[in-house]
């Protein structure tokens, strides 16, 4: 499948993996790519596989000439699912936001390099500026 910038899906997967541990290949589809970050552990007492985290997730969807993006913040729960939620503790929210603000410019630079610009999805109002 050829995506924006004239590149094949596999090339995007390789490049996205170079950005670090953010890409979740098992949650990607043909023209949709899923990234996330478990920024702050809510409680270190449970066993690692039962811990919950505050963080963010970001979805890219290929269009003809660009990629739409949207992201959200919330809780990665014990079942391994993202739940949209307000991160109430300031320090936790700031850490989650800082990790996305660190990641997004790197993603944007990569997409520009691949001639596939990023544009907010039409139904998305970004809560952060980059």
N, C-alpha and C. Protein backbone atom coordinates (compact mmCIF):
# COMPACT_ATOMS: atom_id res chain seq x y z
N UNK A 1 0.83 -1.18 0.00
CA UNK A 1 0.00 0.00 0.00
C UNK A 1 0.88 1.24 0.00
N UNK A 2 0.68 2.11 -0.96
CA UNK A 2 1.43 3.37 -1.04
C UNK A 2 0.68 4.43 -0.26
N UNK A 3 1.40 5.12 0.60
CA UNK A 3 0.84 6.15 1.46
C UNK A 3 1.37 7.52 1.05
N UNK A 4 0.92 8.61 1.69
CA UNK A 4 1.42 9.94 1.32
C UNK A 4 2.94 9.99 1.28
N UNK A 5 3.46 10.76 0.35
CA UNK A 5 4.90 10.86 0.15
C UNK A 5 5.43 9.78 -0.76
N UNK A 6 4.54 8.89 -1.27
CA UNK A 6 4.95 7.85 -2.20
C UNK A 6 5.65 6.68 -1.54
N UNK A 7 5.54 6.54 -0.22
CA UNK A 7 6.22 5.46 0.50
C UNK A 7 5.24 4.35 0.84
N UNK A 8 5.79 3.16 0.98
CA UNK A 8 4.99 2.01 1.35
C UNK A 8 4.85 1.93 2.87
N UNK A 9 3.80 1.25 3.31
CA UNK A 9 3.50 1.13 4.74
C UNK A 9 4.70 0.64 5.55
N UNK A 10 5.41 -0.35 5.00
CA UNK A 10 6.57 -0.90 5.70
C UNK A 10 7.64 0.13 5.98
N UNK A 11 7.83 1.04 5.05
CA UNK A 11 8.83 2.11 5.26
C UNK A 11 8.41 3.01 6.41
N UNK A 12 7.12 3.31 6.51
CA UNK A 12 6.63 4.12 7.63
C UNK A 12 6.85 3.38 8.95
N UNK A 13 6.54 2.09 8.98
CA UNK A 13 6.73 1.31 10.20
C UNK A 13 8.19 1.37 10.65
N UNK A 14 9.12 1.19 9.73
CA UNK A 14 10.55 1.24 10.06
C UNK A 14 10.90 2.61 10.63
N UNK A 15 10.48 3.66 9.95
CA UNK A 15 10.80 5.03 10.39
C UNK A 15 10.15 5.35 11.74
N UNK A 16 8.90 4.92 11.93
CA UNK A 16 8.22 5.19 13.21
C UNK A 16 8.90 4.47 14.36
N UNK A 17 9.41 3.26 14.12
CA UNK A 17 10.13 2.54 15.16
C UNK A 17 11.43 3.24 15.54
N UNK A 18 12.01 3.98 14.61
CA UNK A 18 13.24 4.72 14.90
C UNK A 18 13.00 5.87 15.87
N UNK A 19 11.74 6.28 16.03
CA UNK A 19 11.42 7.38 16.96
C UNK A 19 11.47 6.94 18.42
N UNK A 20 11.55 5.65 18.67
CA UNK A 20 11.58 5.15 20.04
C UNK A 20 10.45 4.17 20.29
N UNK A 21 10.15 3.95 21.56
CA UNK A 21 9.19 2.89 21.91
C UNK A 21 7.73 3.30 21.85
N UNK A 22 7.39 4.23 21.00
CA UNK A 22 6.04 4.78 21.00
C UNK A 22 5.05 4.04 20.09
N UNK A 23 5.53 3.47 19.01
CA UNK A 23 4.66 2.80 18.05
C UNK A 23 4.17 1.46 18.60
N UNK A 24 2.87 1.23 18.53
CA UNK A 24 2.29 -0.07 18.90
C UNK A 24 1.85 -0.74 17.60
N UNK A 25 2.76 -1.51 17.03
CA UNK A 25 2.48 -2.14 15.73
C UNK A 25 1.24 -3.00 15.76
N UNK A 26 0.98 -3.68 16.87
CA UNK A 26 -0.18 -4.56 16.94
C UNK A 26 -1.51 -3.80 16.90
N UNK A 27 -1.47 -2.50 17.09
CA UNK A 27 -2.68 -1.69 17.03
C UNK A 27 -2.76 -0.85 15.75
N UNK A 28 -1.81 -1.04 14.86
CA UNK A 28 -1.81 -0.34 13.58
C UNK A 28 -2.63 -1.14 12.56
N UNK A 29 -3.18 -0.44 11.59
CA UNK A 29 -3.91 -1.07 10.50
C UNK A 29 -3.31 -0.56 9.20
N UNK A 30 -3.92 -0.89 8.07
CA UNK A 30 -3.36 -0.54 6.77
C UNK A 30 -2.94 0.92 6.65
N UNK A 31 -3.82 1.82 6.98
CA UNK A 31 -3.54 3.25 6.80
C UNK A 31 -3.60 4.02 8.12
N UNK A 32 -3.60 3.30 9.23
CA UNK A 32 -3.73 3.90 10.56
C UNK A 32 -2.56 3.44 11.42
N UNK A 33 -1.94 4.39 12.12
CA UNK A 33 -0.79 4.09 12.96
C UNK A 33 -1.08 4.58 14.38
N UNK A 34 -0.72 3.76 15.37
CA UNK A 34 -1.06 4.05 16.76
C UNK A 34 0.23 4.17 17.59
N UNK A 35 0.33 5.28 18.32
CA UNK A 35 1.47 5.56 19.19
C UNK A 35 0.94 5.80 20.59
N UNK A 36 1.75 5.49 21.61
CA UNK A 36 1.36 5.87 22.96
C UNK A 36 2.58 5.98 23.86
N UNK A 37 2.32 6.50 25.06
CA UNK A 37 3.38 6.66 26.06
C UNK A 37 2.78 6.48 27.44
N UNK A 38 3.31 5.52 28.18
CA UNK A 38 2.93 5.30 29.57
C UNK A 38 3.84 6.20 30.41
N UNK A 39 3.42 7.43 30.63
CA UNK A 39 4.29 8.45 31.19
C UNK A 39 4.49 8.35 32.70
N UNK A 40 3.42 8.05 33.45
CA UNK A 40 3.49 8.07 34.92
C UNK A 40 2.74 6.88 35.49
N UNK A 41 3.41 6.07 36.27
CA UNK A 41 2.77 4.95 36.94
C UNK A 41 1.89 5.48 38.07
N UNK A 42 0.66 4.99 38.16
CA UNK A 42 -0.25 5.49 39.19
C UNK A 42 0.04 4.88 40.56
N UNK A 43 0.61 3.67 40.59
CA UNK A 43 0.89 2.99 41.85
C UNK A 43 1.88 1.87 41.56
N UNK A 44 3.05 1.91 42.20
CA UNK A 44 4.08 0.90 41.90
C UNK A 44 3.93 -0.38 42.73
N UNK A 45 2.97 -0.43 43.63
CA UNK A 45 2.80 -1.61 44.48
C UNK A 45 2.33 -2.86 43.73
N UNK A 46 1.36 -2.75 42.80
CA UNK A 46 0.94 -3.98 42.08
C UNK A 46 2.07 -4.55 41.22
N UNK A 47 1.91 -5.80 40.87
CA UNK A 47 2.86 -6.44 39.95
C UNK A 47 2.89 -5.65 38.64
N UNK A 48 4.02 -5.62 37.93
CA UNK A 48 4.14 -4.81 36.72
C UNK A 48 3.01 -5.00 35.71
N UNK A 49 2.54 -6.23 35.52
CA UNK A 49 1.49 -6.47 34.53
C UNK A 49 0.11 -5.97 35.01
N UNK A 50 0.01 -5.57 36.26
CA UNK A 50 -1.27 -5.08 36.80
C UNK A 50 -1.25 -3.58 37.09
N UNK A 51 -0.18 -2.92 36.71
CA UNK A 51 -0.06 -1.48 36.98
C UNK A 51 -0.85 -0.66 35.98
N UNK A 52 -1.25 0.51 36.42
CA UNK A 52 -1.94 1.48 35.57
C UNK A 52 -1.04 2.70 35.40
N UNK A 53 -1.23 3.39 34.28
CA UNK A 53 -0.37 4.53 33.96
C UNK A 53 -1.19 5.70 33.43
N UNK A 54 -0.72 6.89 33.72
CA UNK A 54 -1.22 8.09 33.06
C UNK A 54 -0.35 8.30 31.84
N UNK A 55 -0.92 8.78 30.77
CA UNK A 55 -0.13 9.04 29.58
C UNK A 55 -0.97 9.54 28.44
N UNK A 56 -0.50 9.28 27.24
CA UNK A 56 -1.19 9.77 26.03
C UNK A 56 -1.13 8.70 24.95
N UNK A 57 -2.02 8.87 23.98
CA UNK A 57 -1.99 8.06 22.76
C UNK A 57 -2.29 8.99 21.59
N UNK A 58 -1.73 8.63 20.44
CA UNK A 58 -1.84 9.43 19.23
C UNK A 58 -2.12 8.51 18.06
N UNK A 59 -3.05 8.90 17.22
CA UNK A 59 -3.42 8.11 16.05
C UNK A 59 -3.16 8.94 14.79
N UNK A 60 -2.43 8.34 13.84
CA UNK A 60 -2.23 8.94 12.52
C UNK A 60 -3.06 8.16 11.52
N UNK A 61 -3.76 8.87 10.66
CA UNK A 61 -4.52 8.23 9.59
C UNK A 61 -4.09 8.81 8.26
N UNK A 62 -3.68 7.94 7.35
CA UNK A 62 -3.21 8.37 6.03
C UNK A 62 -4.38 8.88 5.20
N UNK A 63 -4.16 10.04 4.60
CA UNK A 63 -5.07 10.61 3.60
C UNK A 63 -4.29 10.63 2.28
N UNK A 64 -4.85 11.17 1.24
CA UNK A 64 -4.16 11.16 -0.05
C UNK A 64 -2.84 11.93 -0.04
N UNK A 65 -2.81 13.09 0.61
CA UNK A 65 -1.64 13.96 0.54
C UNK A 65 -0.98 14.22 1.88
N UNK A 66 -1.55 13.71 2.96
CA UNK A 66 -1.05 14.01 4.30
C UNK A 66 -1.54 12.96 5.28
N UNK A 67 -1.20 13.16 6.54
CA UNK A 67 -1.72 12.33 7.62
C UNK A 67 -2.52 13.21 8.56
N UNK A 68 -3.72 12.75 8.92
CA UNK A 68 -4.49 13.38 9.99
C UNK A 68 -3.97 12.82 11.30
N UNK A 69 -3.98 13.65 12.33
CA UNK A 69 -3.63 13.14 13.65
C UNK A 69 -4.64 13.61 14.69
N UNK A 70 -4.71 12.83 15.74
CA UNK A 70 -5.45 13.21 16.93
C UNK A 70 -4.77 12.51 18.11
N UNK A 71 -4.86 13.13 19.26
CA UNK A 71 -4.29 12.53 20.46
C UNK A 71 -5.20 12.79 21.63
N UNK A 72 -4.95 12.05 22.70
CA UNK A 72 -5.72 12.24 23.92
C UNK A 72 -4.85 11.82 25.10
N UNK A 73 -5.27 12.25 26.27
CA UNK A 73 -4.61 11.89 27.52
C UNK A 73 -5.57 11.05 28.34
N UNK A 74 -5.01 10.20 29.17
CA UNK A 74 -5.87 9.40 30.02
C UNK A 74 -5.12 8.32 30.77
N UNK A 75 -5.87 7.28 31.12
CA UNK A 75 -5.36 6.19 31.95
C UNK A 75 -5.22 4.92 31.12
N UNK A 76 -4.05 4.33 31.18
CA UNK A 76 -3.83 2.99 30.61
C UNK A 76 -4.15 2.02 31.74
N UNK A 77 -5.27 1.31 31.61
CA UNK A 77 -5.78 0.53 32.74
C UNK A 77 -5.19 -0.88 32.82
N UNK A 78 -5.61 -1.61 33.85
CA UNK A 78 -5.11 -2.96 34.10
C UNK A 78 -5.40 -3.92 32.95
N UNK A 79 -6.44 -3.63 32.18
CA UNK A 79 -6.79 -4.48 31.04
C UNK A 79 -5.99 -4.15 29.79
N UNK A 80 -5.10 -3.16 29.90
CA UNK A 80 -4.29 -2.79 28.74
C UNK A 80 -5.03 -1.92 27.74
N UNK A 81 -6.01 -1.16 28.23
CA UNK A 81 -6.81 -0.28 27.37
C UNK A 81 -6.62 1.17 27.80
N UNK A 82 -6.66 2.06 26.83
CA UNK A 82 -6.63 3.49 27.12
C UNK A 82 -8.04 3.97 27.41
N UNK A 83 -8.16 4.72 28.50
CA UNK A 83 -9.44 5.30 28.91
C UNK A 83 -9.25 6.81 28.98
N UNK A 84 -9.97 7.57 28.15
CA UNK A 84 -9.83 9.03 28.24
C UNK A 84 -10.22 9.49 29.65
N UNK A 85 -9.35 10.28 30.26
CA UNK A 85 -9.61 10.77 31.62
C UNK A 85 -8.76 12.00 31.86
N UNK A 86 -9.27 12.89 32.67
CA UNK A 86 -8.49 14.06 33.07
C UNK A 86 -7.44 13.61 34.08
N UNK A 87 -6.21 14.04 33.84
CA UNK A 87 -5.12 13.73 34.78
C UNK A 87 -5.13 14.86 35.81
N UNK A 88 -5.60 14.57 37.00
CA UNK A 88 -5.87 15.62 37.99
C UNK A 88 -4.63 16.12 38.72
N UNK A 89 -3.71 15.25 39.03
CA UNK A 89 -2.49 15.70 39.72
C UNK A 89 -1.63 16.48 38.76
N UNK A 90 -1.31 17.72 39.11
CA UNK A 90 -0.55 18.60 38.22
C UNK A 90 0.76 17.99 37.75
N UNK A 91 1.51 17.40 38.68
CA UNK A 91 2.82 16.85 38.32
C UNK A 91 2.67 15.71 37.31
N UNK A 92 1.64 14.88 37.46
CA UNK A 92 1.41 13.78 36.53
C UNK A 92 0.99 14.31 35.16
N UNK A 93 0.08 15.30 35.16
CA UNK A 93 -0.38 15.89 33.90
C UNK A 93 0.78 16.56 33.17
N UNK A 94 1.60 17.30 33.91
CA UNK A 94 2.74 17.98 33.30
C UNK A 94 3.72 16.99 32.70
N UNK A 95 3.95 15.88 33.39
CA UNK A 95 4.88 14.87 32.86
C UNK A 95 4.33 14.22 31.59
N UNK A 96 3.03 13.90 31.59
CA UNK A 96 2.41 13.33 30.39
C UNK A 96 2.47 14.31 29.23
N UNK A 97 2.12 15.57 29.49
CA UNK A 97 2.15 16.58 28.44
C UNK A 97 3.57 16.80 27.93
N UNK A 98 4.54 16.83 28.84
CA UNK A 98 5.93 17.05 28.44
C UNK A 98 6.43 15.92 27.54
N UNK A 99 6.02 14.69 27.82
CA UNK A 99 6.48 13.58 26.98
C UNK A 99 5.89 13.69 25.58
N UNK A 100 4.63 14.12 25.45
CA UNK A 100 4.05 14.31 24.13
C UNK A 100 4.70 15.50 23.42
N UNK A 101 4.97 16.57 24.16
CA UNK A 101 5.61 17.74 23.55
C UNK A 101 7.04 17.43 23.10
N UNK A 102 7.67 16.47 23.71
CA UNK A 102 9.00 16.03 23.28
C UNK A 102 8.90 15.15 22.03
N UNK A 103 7.88 14.28 21.99
CA UNK A 103 7.72 13.34 20.89
C UNK A 103 7.21 14.01 19.61
N UNK A 104 6.20 14.84 19.72
CA UNK A 104 5.50 15.35 18.54
C UNK A 104 6.41 16.09 17.55
N UNK A 105 7.29 16.99 17.99
CA UNK A 105 8.18 17.66 17.01
C UNK A 105 9.07 16.68 16.25
N UNK A 106 9.48 15.61 16.92
CA UNK A 106 10.29 14.59 16.24
C UNK A 106 9.46 13.86 15.18
N UNK A 107 8.21 13.55 15.52
CA UNK A 107 7.30 12.92 14.56
C UNK A 107 7.04 13.87 13.39
N UNK A 108 6.79 15.13 13.69
CA UNK A 108 6.51 16.11 12.64
C UNK A 108 7.71 16.27 11.70
N UNK A 109 8.91 16.31 12.25
CA UNK A 109 10.12 16.42 11.42
C UNK A 109 10.27 15.20 10.51
N UNK A 110 10.01 14.02 11.06
CA UNK A 110 10.08 12.80 10.26
C UNK A 110 9.07 12.84 9.13
N UNK A 111 7.85 13.25 9.43
CA UNK A 111 6.81 13.29 8.41
C UNK A 111 7.15 14.30 7.31
N UNK A 112 7.74 15.43 7.68
CA UNK A 112 8.18 16.40 6.67
C UNK A 112 9.27 15.80 5.80
N UNK A 113 10.18 15.05 6.42
CA UNK A 113 11.25 14.37 5.68
C UNK A 113 10.66 13.37 4.67
N UNK A 114 9.53 12.75 5.04
CA UNK A 114 8.88 11.77 4.18
C UNK A 114 7.86 12.41 3.24
N UNK A 115 7.82 13.74 3.21
CA UNK A 115 6.86 14.49 2.38
C UNK A 115 5.42 14.09 2.66
N UNK A 116 5.11 13.91 3.93
CA UNK A 116 3.76 13.53 4.36
C UNK A 116 3.39 14.40 5.56
N UNK A 117 2.94 15.62 5.32
CA UNK A 117 2.66 16.54 6.42
C UNK A 117 1.59 16.03 7.38
N UNK A 118 1.67 16.53 8.61
CA UNK A 118 0.68 16.22 9.64
C UNK A 118 -0.32 17.36 9.74
N UNK A 119 -1.59 17.01 9.81
CA UNK A 119 -2.67 17.99 9.93
C UNK A 119 -3.64 17.47 10.98
N UNK A 120 -4.09 18.32 11.91
CA UNK A 120 -5.07 17.84 12.88
C UNK A 120 -6.31 17.28 12.17
N UNK A 121 -6.85 16.20 12.67
CA UNK A 121 -8.07 15.62 12.11
C UNK A 121 -9.19 16.65 12.15
N UNK A 122 -10.10 16.58 11.21
CA UNK A 122 -11.15 17.59 11.09
C UNK A 122 -12.04 17.65 12.32
N UNK A 123 -12.19 16.58 13.05
CA UNK A 123 -13.03 16.57 14.23
C UNK A 123 -12.22 16.65 15.53
N UNK A 124 -11.00 17.20 15.46
CA UNK A 124 -10.09 17.22 16.60
C UNK A 124 -9.63 18.64 16.90
N UNK A 125 -9.71 19.02 18.17
CA UNK A 125 -9.20 20.30 18.66
C UNK A 125 -8.02 20.00 19.57
N UNK A 126 -6.77 20.22 19.12
CA UNK A 126 -5.62 19.90 19.97
C UNK A 126 -5.64 20.69 21.29
N UNK A 127 -5.35 19.99 22.38
CA UNK A 127 -5.30 20.62 23.69
C UNK A 127 -3.92 21.18 23.99
N UNK A 128 -2.94 20.88 23.16
CA UNK A 128 -1.57 21.38 23.31
C UNK A 128 -1.12 22.01 22.00
N UNK A 129 -0.23 22.96 22.13
CA UNK A 129 0.41 23.55 20.95
C UNK A 129 1.85 23.04 20.90
N UNK A 130 2.33 22.81 19.70
CA UNK A 130 3.71 22.30 19.53
C UNK A 130 4.56 23.32 18.83
